[in-house]
Amino acid sequence: MKPVFKSCRGPGLLATAVALAVTGLAACAGAGSPTPGPPTSASASASSPAGLLGAAGSLPQSRLYYLTKLTARQLCGLLHPGESARIAAAPTTPGKFATSLGFAISCSWIISSGSGQLMIVIAKVEDWQRTRATDLAVSHSVTTTVGGHPAVYFKSKVKSAQLDVAAAGLSDPSVTFDAPTLAEAIRMAQLVMPRLLAISTPG
């Protein structure tokens, strides 16, 4: 089964990008386990990366823009062997890389218990300033920091957590961590962010 990204902030640019990377979008009111579904109207209306790059702010000029071009080995390698299972407290599948049709790159680990997935997403079409503004427009969003990085998460009654983290400044990439619980998303971010920023070039 291909991974399905669940966004509880609504169809912002990043949610649109990730929705196009997978087979469907699970509604926030849906079950915790991955379930294929139809694309949202927002994703259906976005026909190409070029259609969204104009709204990406200054991301293409960011000194960290190369992070949006990481390879499968680099992105999925941000969690070391066994770490996804330890975070989820259950066995997981190996990380699966997706290129998101040019909108984003992602890597996901499906939890074998059926409780959901762990996912890392870096969008090519949205900088942190745009991600943060979209996030804060949602009434149940909460600002926080993770390892010194500004971040936003969402209060939700469903068994799913989304944590958006700034790579650096406002014009730099944002990194999304998706997990069944906020604690799992935070632990993933704590492990991944230092390793991500230690990468100096894609390839």
N, C-alpha and C. Protein backbone atom coordinates (compact mmCIF):
# COMPACT_ATOMS: atom_id res chain seq x y z
N MET A 1 0.85 -1.20 0.00
CA MET A 1 0.00 0.00 0.00
C MET A 1 0.88 1.24 0.00
N LYS A 2 0.60 2.19 -0.83
CA LYS A 2 1.34 3.42 -0.86
C LYS A 2 0.91 4.29 0.31
N PRO A 3 1.83 5.13 0.85
CA PRO A 3 1.49 5.94 2.01
C PRO A 3 0.49 7.02 1.67
N VAL A 4 -0.30 7.40 2.65
CA VAL A 4 -1.26 8.48 2.49
C VAL A 4 -0.98 9.53 3.54
N PHE A 5 -0.78 10.75 3.10
CA PHE A 5 -0.50 11.83 4.02
C PHE A 5 -1.80 12.43 4.53
N LYS A 6 -1.86 12.65 5.83
CA LYS A 6 -3.05 13.24 6.42
C LYS A 6 -2.71 14.64 6.92
N SER A 7 -3.41 15.63 6.46
CA SER A 7 -3.18 16.99 6.89
C SER A 7 -4.40 17.52 7.62
N CYS A 8 -4.16 18.08 8.81
CA CYS A 8 -5.27 18.62 9.60
C CYS A 8 -5.28 20.14 9.55
N ARG A 9 -4.52 20.74 8.63
CA ARG A 9 -4.52 22.20 8.54
C ARG A 9 -5.28 22.68 7.33
N GLY A 10 -5.80 21.79 6.51
CA GLY A 10 -6.52 22.23 5.33
C GLY A 10 -5.63 22.24 4.11
N PRO A 11 -6.17 22.50 2.93
CA PRO A 11 -5.43 22.35 1.69
C PRO A 11 -4.55 23.54 1.36
N GLY A 12 -3.51 23.78 2.20
CA GLY A 12 -2.52 24.78 1.86
C GLY A 12 -1.61 24.24 0.77
N LEU A 13 -0.60 25.03 0.39
CA LEU A 13 0.30 24.61 -0.67
C LEU A 13 1.03 23.33 -0.31
N LEU A 14 1.52 23.24 0.93
CA LEU A 14 2.25 22.04 1.32
C LEU A 14 1.34 20.83 1.33
N ALA A 15 0.13 20.99 1.86
CA ALA A 15 -0.81 19.86 1.87
C ALA A 15 -1.12 19.42 0.45
N THR A 16 -1.28 20.39 -0.45
CA THR A 16 -1.53 20.06 -1.85
C THR A 16 -0.36 19.30 -2.45
N ALA A 17 0.85 19.76 -2.17
CA ALA A 17 2.03 19.11 -2.73
C ALA A 17 2.12 17.67 -2.28
N VAL A 18 1.92 17.43 -1.00
CA VAL A 18 2.07 16.08 -0.49
C VAL A 18 0.93 15.19 -0.95
N ALA A 19 -0.26 15.76 -1.05
CA ALA A 19 -1.39 14.96 -1.53
C ALA A 19 -1.12 14.42 -2.91
N LEU A 20 -0.41 15.19 -3.72
CA LEU A 20 -0.11 14.75 -5.08
C LEU A 20 1.01 13.73 -5.11
N ALA A 21 1.70 13.55 -3.99
CA ALA A 21 2.80 12.59 -3.95
C ALA A 21 2.31 11.18 -3.71
N VAL A 22 1.08 11.03 -3.28
CA VAL A 22 0.58 9.73 -2.86
C VAL A 22 -0.72 9.42 -3.55
N THR A 23 -1.32 8.30 -3.22
CA THR A 23 -2.51 7.85 -3.94
C THR A 23 -3.78 8.54 -3.48
N GLY A 24 -3.79 9.15 -2.32
CA GLY A 24 -5.02 9.78 -1.84
C GLY A 24 -4.73 10.60 -0.62
N LEU A 25 -5.75 11.28 -0.11
CA LEU A 25 -5.63 12.13 1.06
C LEU A 25 -6.64 11.67 2.08
N ALA A 26 -6.20 11.24 3.26
CA ALA A 26 -7.13 10.80 4.30
C ALA A 26 -7.67 12.01 5.03
N ALA A 27 -8.95 12.10 5.18
CA ALA A 27 -9.56 13.23 5.88
C ALA A 27 -9.20 13.18 7.34
N CYS A 28 -9.17 14.36 8.00
CA CYS A 28 -8.80 14.43 9.40
C CYS A 28 -9.79 13.67 10.26
N ALA A 29 -10.97 13.50 9.78
CA ALA A 29 -11.97 12.78 10.56
C ALA A 29 -11.90 11.29 10.35
N GLY A 30 -10.97 10.84 9.49
CA GLY A 30 -10.90 9.43 9.15
C GLY A 30 -10.14 8.62 10.16
N ALA A 31 -9.92 7.34 9.83
CA ALA A 31 -9.24 6.44 10.74
C ALA A 31 -7.76 6.74 10.77
N GLY A 32 -7.07 6.17 11.78
CA GLY A 32 -5.66 6.42 11.94
C GLY A 32 -4.80 5.69 10.94
N SER A 33 -5.24 4.59 10.39
CA SER A 33 -4.41 3.83 9.46
C SER A 33 -4.55 4.38 8.06
N PRO A 34 -3.50 4.19 7.22
CA PRO A 34 -3.53 4.73 5.86
C PRO A 34 -4.69 4.15 5.06
N THR A 35 -5.42 5.04 4.39
CA THR A 35 -6.57 4.62 3.60
C THR A 35 -6.59 5.40 2.31
N PRO A 36 -6.57 4.74 1.16
CA PRO A 36 -6.60 5.48 -0.10
C PRO A 36 -7.87 6.30 -0.23
N GLY A 37 -7.77 7.45 -0.86
CA GLY A 37 -8.93 8.29 -1.03
C GLY A 37 -8.76 9.20 -2.22
N PRO A 38 -9.80 9.89 -2.63
CA PRO A 38 -9.70 10.77 -3.80
C PRO A 38 -8.92 12.02 -3.48
N PRO A 39 -8.33 12.65 -4.46
CA PRO A 39 -7.62 13.90 -4.22
C PRO A 39 -8.59 15.00 -3.82
N THR A 40 -8.10 15.97 -3.05
CA THR A 40 -8.91 17.11 -2.68
C THR A 40 -9.09 18.02 -3.88
N SER A 41 -10.03 18.94 -3.78
CA SER A 41 -10.25 19.88 -4.88
C SER A 41 -9.03 20.74 -5.09
N ALA A 42 -8.30 21.04 -3.99
CA ALA A 42 -7.11 21.86 -4.13
C ALA A 42 -6.05 21.13 -4.93
N SER A 43 -5.87 19.84 -4.65
CA SER A 43 -4.86 19.10 -5.39
C SER A 43 -5.27 18.89 -6.82
N ALA A 44 -6.54 18.75 -7.06
CA ALA A 44 -7.01 18.54 -8.43
C ALA A 44 -6.79 19.78 -9.28
N SER A 45 -6.81 20.96 -8.63
CA SER A 45 -6.69 22.20 -9.40
C SER A 45 -5.24 22.57 -9.67
N ALA A 46 -4.30 21.93 -8.95
CA ALA A 46 -2.89 22.25 -9.15
C ALA A 46 -2.32 21.28 -10.18
N SER A 47 -2.04 21.75 -11.38
CA SER A 47 -1.67 20.85 -12.46
C SER A 47 -0.18 20.66 -12.61
N SER A 48 0.64 21.55 -12.07
CA SER A 48 2.08 21.42 -12.24
C SER A 48 2.80 22.20 -11.16
N PRO A 49 4.09 21.84 -10.88
CA PRO A 49 4.86 22.61 -9.92
C PRO A 49 4.97 24.07 -10.31
N ALA A 50 5.07 24.34 -11.61
CA ALA A 50 5.21 25.72 -12.06
C ALA A 50 4.01 26.56 -11.64
N GLY A 51 2.84 25.93 -11.51
CA GLY A 51 1.65 26.66 -11.13
C GLY A 51 1.68 27.15 -9.70
N LEU A 52 2.55 26.55 -8.87
CA LEU A 52 2.63 26.94 -7.47
C LEU A 52 3.92 27.68 -7.13
N LEU A 53 4.92 27.61 -7.99
CA LEU A 53 6.19 28.23 -7.66
C LEU A 53 6.06 29.73 -7.46
N GLY A 54 5.10 30.35 -8.12
CA GLY A 54 4.91 31.78 -7.93
C GLY A 54 4.49 32.13 -6.53
N ALA A 55 3.88 31.18 -5.83
CA ALA A 55 3.45 31.41 -4.45
C ALA A 55 4.45 30.86 -3.45
N ALA A 56 5.61 30.43 -3.90
CA ALA A 56 6.57 29.80 -3.01
C ALA A 56 7.40 30.80 -2.23
N GLY A 57 7.12 32.09 -2.40
CA GLY A 57 7.92 33.09 -1.74
C GLY A 57 9.33 33.09 -2.31
N SER A 58 10.32 33.23 -1.44
CA SER A 58 11.71 33.29 -1.90
C SER A 58 12.40 31.95 -1.77
N LEU A 59 11.66 30.85 -1.64
CA LEU A 59 12.26 29.53 -1.45
C LEU A 59 13.30 29.18 -2.51
N PRO A 60 13.03 29.40 -3.81
CA PRO A 60 14.04 29.02 -4.81
C PRO A 60 15.38 29.75 -4.64
N GLN A 61 15.39 30.88 -3.95
CA GLN A 61 16.63 31.62 -3.71
C GLN A 61 17.27 31.26 -2.36
N SER A 62 16.64 30.37 -1.62
CA SER A 62 17.16 29.99 -0.30
C SER A 62 18.49 29.28 -0.43
N ARG A 63 19.38 29.53 0.51
CA ARG A 63 20.66 28.82 0.53
C ARG A 63 20.47 27.34 0.85
N LEU A 64 19.28 26.98 1.37
CA LEU A 64 18.99 25.59 1.71
C LEU A 64 18.04 24.94 0.70
N TYR A 65 17.86 25.58 -0.44
CA TYR A 65 16.93 25.02 -1.43
C TYR A 65 17.35 23.63 -1.89
N TYR A 66 18.64 23.34 -1.81
CA TYR A 66 19.12 22.02 -2.21
C TYR A 66 18.49 20.90 -1.38
N LEU A 67 17.97 21.23 -0.19
CA LEU A 67 17.32 20.21 0.63
C LEU A 67 16.06 19.67 -0.04
N THR A 68 15.48 20.44 -0.94
CA THR A 68 14.29 19.97 -1.65
C THR A 68 14.64 19.00 -2.78
N LYS A 69 15.95 18.75 -2.98
CA LYS A 69 16.40 17.90 -4.07
C LYS A 69 17.15 16.67 -3.56
N LEU A 70 16.94 16.33 -2.29
CA LEU A 70 17.64 15.17 -1.74
C LEU A 70 17.22 13.89 -2.45
N THR A 71 18.11 12.93 -2.47
CA THR A 71 17.83 11.64 -3.08
C THR A 71 17.07 10.75 -2.08
N ALA A 72 16.59 9.62 -2.56
CA ALA A 72 15.91 8.66 -1.69
C ALA A 72 16.84 8.21 -0.58
N ARG A 73 18.09 7.94 -0.91
CA ARG A 73 19.05 7.49 0.10
C ARG A 73 19.25 8.54 1.18
N GLN A 74 19.33 9.80 0.77
CA GLN A 74 19.56 10.87 1.74
C GLN A 74 18.34 11.11 2.63
N LEU A 75 17.16 11.21 2.01
CA LEU A 75 15.97 11.54 2.80
C LEU A 75 15.56 10.37 3.70
N CYS A 76 15.44 9.19 3.13
CA CYS A 76 15.03 8.04 3.94
C CYS A 76 16.12 7.65 4.93
N GLY A 77 17.37 8.00 4.62
CA GLY A 77 18.47 7.70 5.53
C GLY A 77 18.53 8.61 6.75
N LEU A 78 17.66 9.61 6.80
CA LEU A 78 17.65 10.50 7.97
C LEU A 78 17.19 9.77 9.23
N LEU A 79 16.43 8.70 9.06
CA LEU A 79 16.15 7.79 10.18
C LEU A 79 17.04 6.58 10.00
N HIS A 80 17.85 6.29 10.99
CA HIS A 80 18.78 5.18 10.91
C HIS A 80 18.05 3.85 11.10
N PRO A 81 18.64 2.74 10.68
CA PRO A 81 17.99 1.44 10.82
C PRO A 81 17.49 1.18 12.25
N GLY A 82 16.24 0.81 12.34
CA GLY A 82 15.64 0.51 13.64
C GLY A 82 15.00 1.69 14.33
N GLU A 83 15.33 2.92 13.92
CA GLU A 83 14.80 4.09 14.62
C GLU A 83 13.31 4.27 14.40
N SER A 84 12.84 4.00 13.18
CA SER A 84 11.40 4.17 12.93
C SER A 84 10.60 3.21 13.82
N ALA A 85 11.09 1.99 13.98
CA ALA A 85 10.39 1.01 14.83
C ALA A 85 10.43 1.44 16.30
N ARG A 86 11.55 2.02 16.72
CA ARG A 86 11.63 2.47 18.11
C ARG A 86 10.71 3.65 18.36
N ILE A 87 10.62 4.56 17.41
CA ILE A 87 9.72 5.71 17.56
C ILE A 87 8.28 5.23 17.63
N ALA A 88 7.90 4.31 16.75
CA ALA A 88 6.52 3.84 16.67
C ALA A 88 6.20 2.75 17.69
N ALA A 89 7.24 2.23 18.36
CA ALA A 89 7.06 1.12 19.31
C ALA A 89 6.39 -0.07 18.64
N ALA A 90 6.72 -0.27 17.37
CA ALA A 90 6.18 -1.37 16.58
C ALA A 90 7.01 -1.50 15.31
N PRO A 91 7.04 -2.67 14.70
CA PRO A 91 7.78 -2.82 13.44
C PRO A 91 7.21 -1.89 12.36
N THR A 92 8.07 -1.46 11.47
CA THR A 92 7.65 -0.61 10.34
C THR A 92 8.24 -1.18 9.05
N THR A 93 7.65 -0.78 7.95
CA THR A 93 8.22 -1.12 6.65
C THR A 93 9.46 -0.27 6.41
N PRO A 94 10.32 -0.64 5.49
CA PRO A 94 11.44 0.24 5.13
C PRO A 94 10.90 1.57 4.58
N GLY A 95 11.70 2.60 4.69
CA GLY A 95 11.28 3.90 4.20
C GLY A 95 11.01 3.88 2.70
N LYS A 96 9.92 4.50 2.28
CA LYS A 96 9.55 4.56 0.86
C LYS A 96 9.60 6.01 0.40
N PHE A 97 10.40 6.26 -0.61
CA PHE A 97 10.62 7.61 -1.13
C PHE A 97 9.60 7.94 -2.21
N ALA A 98 9.13 9.18 -2.23
CA ALA A 98 8.23 9.66 -3.30
C ALA A 98 8.70 11.04 -3.73
N THR A 99 8.60 11.32 -5.02
CA THR A 99 9.05 12.61 -5.54
C THR A 99 7.92 13.61 -5.72
N SER A 100 6.68 13.18 -5.55
CA SER A 100 5.55 14.09 -5.52
C SER A 100 5.38 14.92 -6.79
N LEU A 101 5.74 14.34 -7.93
CA LEU A 101 5.51 15.01 -9.22
C LEU A 101 6.15 16.39 -9.28
N GLY A 102 7.23 16.59 -8.55
CA GLY A 102 7.92 17.86 -8.56
C GLY A 102 7.44 18.85 -7.52
N PHE A 103 6.42 18.51 -6.74
CA PHE A 103 5.91 19.42 -5.73
C PHE A 103 6.63 19.27 -4.40
N ALA A 104 7.07 18.06 -4.09
CA ALA A 104 7.71 17.79 -2.81
C ALA A 104 8.44 16.47 -2.88
N ILE A 105 9.29 16.23 -1.89
CA ILE A 105 9.88 14.91 -1.71
C ILE A 105 9.43 14.40 -0.35
N SER A 106 9.29 13.09 -0.23
CA SER A 106 8.83 12.53 1.04
C SER A 106 9.40 11.14 1.23
N CYS A 107 9.45 10.72 2.48
CA CYS A 107 9.78 9.34 2.81
C CYS A 107 8.84 8.90 3.92
N SER A 108 8.28 7.71 3.78
CA SER A 108 7.30 7.22 4.75
C SER A 108 7.63 5.81 5.20
N TRP A 109 7.30 5.53 6.44
CA TRP A 109 7.47 4.23 7.05
C TRP A 109 6.11 3.79 7.58
N ILE A 110 5.52 2.75 7.00
CA ILE A 110 4.21 2.28 7.43
C ILE A 110 4.39 1.42 8.68
N ILE A 111 3.56 1.68 9.68
CA ILE A 111 3.62 0.94 10.94
C ILE A 111 2.81 -0.35 10.78
N SER A 112 3.44 -1.48 11.05
CA SER A 112 2.82 -2.77 10.76
C SER A 112 1.58 -3.05 11.60
N SER A 113 1.45 -2.39 12.74
CA SER A 113 0.28 -2.61 13.59
C SER A 113 -0.98 -2.01 13.00
N GLY A 114 -0.84 -1.21 11.94
CA GLY A 114 -1.99 -0.57 11.32
C GLY A 114 -2.37 0.75 11.95
N SER A 115 -1.51 1.25 12.85
CA SER A 115 -1.84 2.50 13.55
C SER A 115 -1.54 3.74 12.74
N GLY A 116 -0.90 3.57 11.59
CA GLY A 116 -0.62 4.75 10.76
C GLY A 116 0.76 4.66 10.14
N GLN A 117 1.45 5.81 10.07
CA GLN A 117 2.75 5.87 9.42
C GLN A 117 3.56 7.00 10.01
N LEU A 118 4.85 6.92 9.78
CA LEU A 118 5.76 8.03 10.04
C LEU A 118 6.13 8.59 8.68
N MET A 119 6.17 9.92 8.56
CA MET A 119 6.49 10.51 7.26
C MET A 119 7.27 11.81 7.43
N ILE A 120 8.26 11.99 6.57
CA ILE A 120 9.02 13.24 6.46
C ILE A 120 8.74 13.82 5.09
N VAL A 121 8.40 15.11 5.04
CA VAL A 121 8.09 15.77 3.77
C VAL A 121 8.83 17.11 3.68
N ILE A 122 9.46 17.35 2.53
CA ILE A 122 10.05 18.66 2.25
C ILE A 122 9.43 19.16 0.95
N ALA A 123 8.70 20.26 1.03
CA ALA A 123 8.03 20.80 -0.15
C ALA A 123 8.97 21.65 -0.98
N LYS A 124 8.80 21.59 -2.30
CA LYS A 124 9.56 22.41 -3.23
C LYS A 124 8.86 23.73 -3.55
N VAL A 125 7.61 23.88 -3.09
CA VAL A 125 6.80 25.01 -3.54
C VAL A 125 6.34 25.92 -2.40
N GLU A 126 6.90 25.75 -1.21
CA GLU A 126 6.44 26.55 -0.09
C GLU A 126 7.57 26.76 0.89
N ASP A 127 7.90 28.03 1.19
CA ASP A 127 8.91 28.30 2.20
C ASP A 127 8.29 28.33 3.59
N TRP A 128 9.12 28.48 4.61
CA TRP A 128 8.62 28.43 5.99
C TRP A 128 7.63 29.57 6.27
N GLN A 129 7.88 30.74 5.72
CA GLN A 129 6.97 31.87 5.94
C GLN A 129 5.57 31.53 5.46
N ARG A 130 5.45 30.94 4.27
CA ARG A 130 4.15 30.58 3.73
C ARG A 130 3.53 29.42 4.52
N THR A 131 4.34 28.43 4.87
CA THR A 131 3.83 27.31 5.67
C THR A 131 3.29 27.79 7.01
N ARG A 132 4.07 28.62 7.67
CA ARG A 132 3.67 29.11 8.99
C ARG A 132 2.38 29.93 8.91
N ALA A 133 2.29 30.79 7.89
CA ALA A 133 1.08 31.61 7.74
C ALA A 133 -0.15 30.74 7.51
N THR A 134 0.00 29.72 6.68
CA THR A 134 -1.12 28.81 6.42
C THR A 134 -1.49 28.04 7.67
N ASP A 135 -0.48 27.57 8.40
CA ASP A 135 -0.73 26.83 9.63
C ASP A 135 -1.47 27.68 10.66
N LEU A 136 -1.01 28.91 10.86
CA LEU A 136 -1.58 29.74 11.91
C LEU A 136 -2.98 30.25 11.57
N ALA A 137 -3.38 30.08 10.31
CA ALA A 137 -4.75 30.43 9.95
C ALA A 137 -5.74 29.40 10.46
N VAL A 138 -5.24 28.26 10.91
CA VAL A 138 -6.09 27.19 11.45
C VAL A 138 -6.26 27.41 12.95
N SER A 139 -7.49 27.37 13.43
CA SER A 139 -7.77 27.73 14.82
C SER A 139 -7.10 26.82 15.83
N HIS A 140 -6.88 25.55 15.49
CA HIS A 140 -6.30 24.62 16.46
C HIS A 140 -4.79 24.45 16.29
N SER A 141 -4.13 25.42 15.64
CA SER A 141 -2.68 25.35 15.51
C SER A 141 -2.01 25.90 16.76
N VAL A 142 -0.82 25.39 17.06
CA VAL A 142 -0.07 25.79 18.25
C VAL A 142 1.40 25.98 17.86
N THR A 143 1.99 27.09 18.24
CA THR A 143 3.41 27.32 17.96
C THR A 143 4.27 26.70 19.05
N THR A 144 5.44 26.25 18.67
CA THR A 144 6.37 25.64 19.61
C THR A 144 7.77 25.73 19.02
N THR A 145 8.75 25.11 19.62
CA THR A 145 10.08 24.98 19.06
C THR A 145 10.54 23.53 19.21
N VAL A 146 11.34 23.09 18.27
CA VAL A 146 11.92 21.74 18.32
C VAL A 146 13.41 21.88 18.07
N GLY A 147 14.20 21.63 19.08
CA GLY A 147 15.65 21.76 18.93
C GLY A 147 16.07 23.16 18.51
N GLY A 148 15.35 24.16 18.97
CA GLY A 148 15.64 25.55 18.61
C GLY A 148 15.02 26.02 17.32
N HIS A 149 14.34 25.13 16.59
CA HIS A 149 13.68 25.49 15.33
C HIS A 149 12.22 25.87 15.59
N PRO A 150 11.75 27.02 15.07
CA PRO A 150 10.32 27.32 15.18
C PRO A 150 9.49 26.22 14.54
N ALA A 151 8.34 25.94 15.14
CA ALA A 151 7.50 24.86 14.63
C ALA A 151 6.04 25.14 14.96
N VAL A 152 5.16 24.46 14.25
CA VAL A 152 3.71 24.55 14.48
C VAL A 152 3.13 23.15 14.45
N TYR A 153 2.25 22.85 15.40
CA TYR A 153 1.53 21.59 15.36
C TYR A 153 0.05 21.89 15.54
N PHE A 154 -0.76 20.85 15.46
CA PHE A 154 -2.21 21.04 15.49
C PHE A 154 -2.85 20.19 16.58
N LYS A 155 -3.69 20.81 17.37
CA LYS A 155 -4.49 20.06 18.33
C LYS A 155 -5.60 19.34 17.56
N SER A 156 -5.72 18.06 17.77
CA SER A 156 -6.72 17.29 17.05
C SER A 156 -7.17 16.11 17.87
N LYS A 157 -8.43 15.71 17.71
CA LYS A 157 -8.97 14.56 18.43
C LYS A 157 -8.73 13.25 17.68
N VAL A 158 -8.30 13.36 16.43
CA VAL A 158 -8.05 12.13 15.66
C VAL A 158 -6.65 11.62 15.96
N LYS A 159 -6.41 10.37 15.65
CA LYS A 159 -5.13 9.74 15.95
C LYS A 159 -4.14 10.02 14.83
N SER A 160 -3.73 11.27 14.75
CA SER A 160 -2.77 11.70 13.75
C SER A 160 -2.20 13.03 14.18
N ALA A 161 -0.90 13.22 13.94
CA ALA A 161 -0.26 14.48 14.32
C ALA A 161 0.58 14.99 13.16
N GLN A 162 0.52 16.28 12.94
CA GLN A 162 1.35 16.94 11.93
C GLN A 162 2.15 18.02 12.61
N LEU A 163 3.45 18.02 12.37
CA LEU A 163 4.37 18.98 12.95
C LEU A 163 5.17 19.61 11.82
N ASP A 164 5.04 20.91 11.63
CA ASP A 164 5.80 21.64 10.61
C ASP A 164 6.94 22.37 11.29
N VAL A 165 8.16 22.20 10.78
CA VAL A 165 9.35 22.74 11.42
C VAL A 165 10.15 23.57 10.42
N ALA A 166 10.63 24.73 10.87
CA ALA A 166 11.46 25.58 10.00
C ALA A 166 12.87 25.00 9.91
N ALA A 167 13.38 24.90 8.70
CA ALA A 167 14.76 24.46 8.53
C ALA A 167 15.72 25.52 9.05
N ALA A 168 15.39 26.78 8.79
CA ALA A 168 16.23 27.89 9.25
C ALA A 168 15.37 29.17 9.30
N GLY A 169 15.53 30.06 8.28
CA GLY A 169 14.81 31.32 8.29
C GLY A 169 13.48 31.26 7.56
N LEU A 170 12.82 32.42 7.44
CA LEU A 170 11.50 32.51 6.83
C LEU A 170 11.50 32.08 5.37
N SER A 171 12.58 32.35 4.65
CA SER A 171 12.62 32.03 3.22
C SER A 171 13.19 30.65 2.92
N ASP A 172 13.47 29.89 3.97
CA ASP A 172 14.06 28.57 3.81
C ASP A 172 12.98 27.49 3.84
N PRO A 173 13.33 26.25 3.50
CA PRO A 173 12.32 25.19 3.45
C PRO A 173 11.70 24.90 4.81
N SER A 174 10.50 24.37 4.76
CA SER A 174 9.86 23.82 5.96
C SER A 174 9.89 22.31 5.83
N VAL A 175 9.91 21.64 6.96
CA VAL A 175 9.95 20.18 7.00
C VAL A 175 8.74 19.70 7.79
N THR A 176 7.95 18.82 7.21
CA THR A 176 6.76 18.30 7.87
C THR A 176 7.02 16.89 8.38
N PHE A 177 6.61 16.66 9.62
CA PHE A 177 6.69 15.34 10.24
C PHE A 177 5.28 14.89 10.56
N ASP A 178 4.91 13.73 10.03
CA ASP A 178 3.58 13.18 10.24
C ASP A 178 3.71 11.87 11.00
N ALA A 179 2.88 11.68 12.03
CA ALA A 179 2.95 10.48 12.85
C ALA A 179 1.62 10.28 13.55
N PRO A 180 1.38 9.09 14.09
CA PRO A 180 0.12 8.88 14.82
C PRO A 180 -0.04 9.78 16.04
N THR A 181 1.07 10.12 16.71
CA THR A 181 0.99 10.97 17.90
C THR A 181 1.97 12.13 17.79
N LEU A 182 1.70 13.20 18.52
CA LEU A 182 2.59 14.36 18.51
C LEU A 182 3.94 13.98 19.10
N ALA A 183 3.96 13.16 20.14
CA ALA A 183 5.23 12.76 20.74
C ALA A 183 6.11 12.06 19.73
N GLU A 184 5.53 11.22 18.87
CA GLU A 184 6.29 10.53 17.84
C GLU A 184 6.81 11.50 16.79
N ALA A 185 5.96 12.47 16.40
CA ALA A 185 6.39 13.47 15.42
C ALA A 185 7.54 14.32 15.96
N ILE A 186 7.45 14.69 17.24
CA ILE A 186 8.51 15.49 17.86
C ILE A 186 9.80 14.69 17.95
N ARG A 187 9.71 13.43 18.34
CA ARG A 187 10.91 12.60 18.44
C ARG A 187 11.57 12.45 17.07
N MET A 188 10.75 12.27 16.04
CA MET A 188 11.29 12.17 14.69
C MET A 188 12.03 13.46 14.33
N ALA A 189 11.41 14.60 14.60
CA ALA A 189 12.03 15.88 14.27
C ALA A 189 13.33 16.10 15.03
N GLN A 190 13.36 15.69 16.30
CA GLN A 190 14.57 15.85 17.10
C GLN A 190 15.74 15.06 16.52
N LEU A 191 15.45 13.88 16.00
CA LEU A 191 16.49 13.06 15.39
C LEU A 191 16.89 13.58 14.01
N VAL A 192 15.90 13.98 13.23
CA VAL A 192 16.12 14.28 11.81
C VAL A 192 16.73 15.65 11.56
N MET A 193 16.29 16.68 12.25
CA MET A 193 16.70 18.04 11.89
C MET A 193 18.22 18.24 11.93
N PRO A 194 18.94 17.81 12.97
CA PRO A 194 20.41 17.99 12.93
C PRO A 194 21.05 17.24 11.78
N ARG A 195 20.56 16.05 11.48
CA ARG A 195 21.12 15.26 10.39
C ARG A 195 20.82 15.90 9.04
N LEU A 196 19.62 16.44 8.91
CA LEU A 196 19.23 17.09 7.67
C LEU A 196 20.12 18.28 7.36
N LEU A 197 20.35 19.11 8.36
CA LEU A 197 21.13 20.34 8.14
C LEU A 197 22.63 20.04 8.04
N ALA A 198 23.02 18.82 8.37
CA ALA A 198 24.42 18.43 8.20
C ALA A 198 24.72 18.03 6.75
N ILE A 199 23.67 17.83 5.96
CA ILE A 199 23.84 17.50 4.54
C ILE A 199 24.20 18.77 3.80
N SER A 200 25.27 18.72 3.04
CA SER A 200 25.76 19.94 2.37
C SER A 200 25.37 20.01 0.90
N THR A 201 24.99 18.87 0.33
CA THR A 201 24.63 18.87 -1.10
C THR A 201 23.80 17.63 -1.41
N PRO A 202 22.88 17.72 -2.36
CA PRO A 202 22.11 16.53 -2.74
C PRO A 202 22.98 15.57 -3.54
N GLY A 203 22.62 14.29 -3.45
CA GLY A 203 23.34 13.32 -4.26
C GLY A 203 23.85 12.16 -3.41
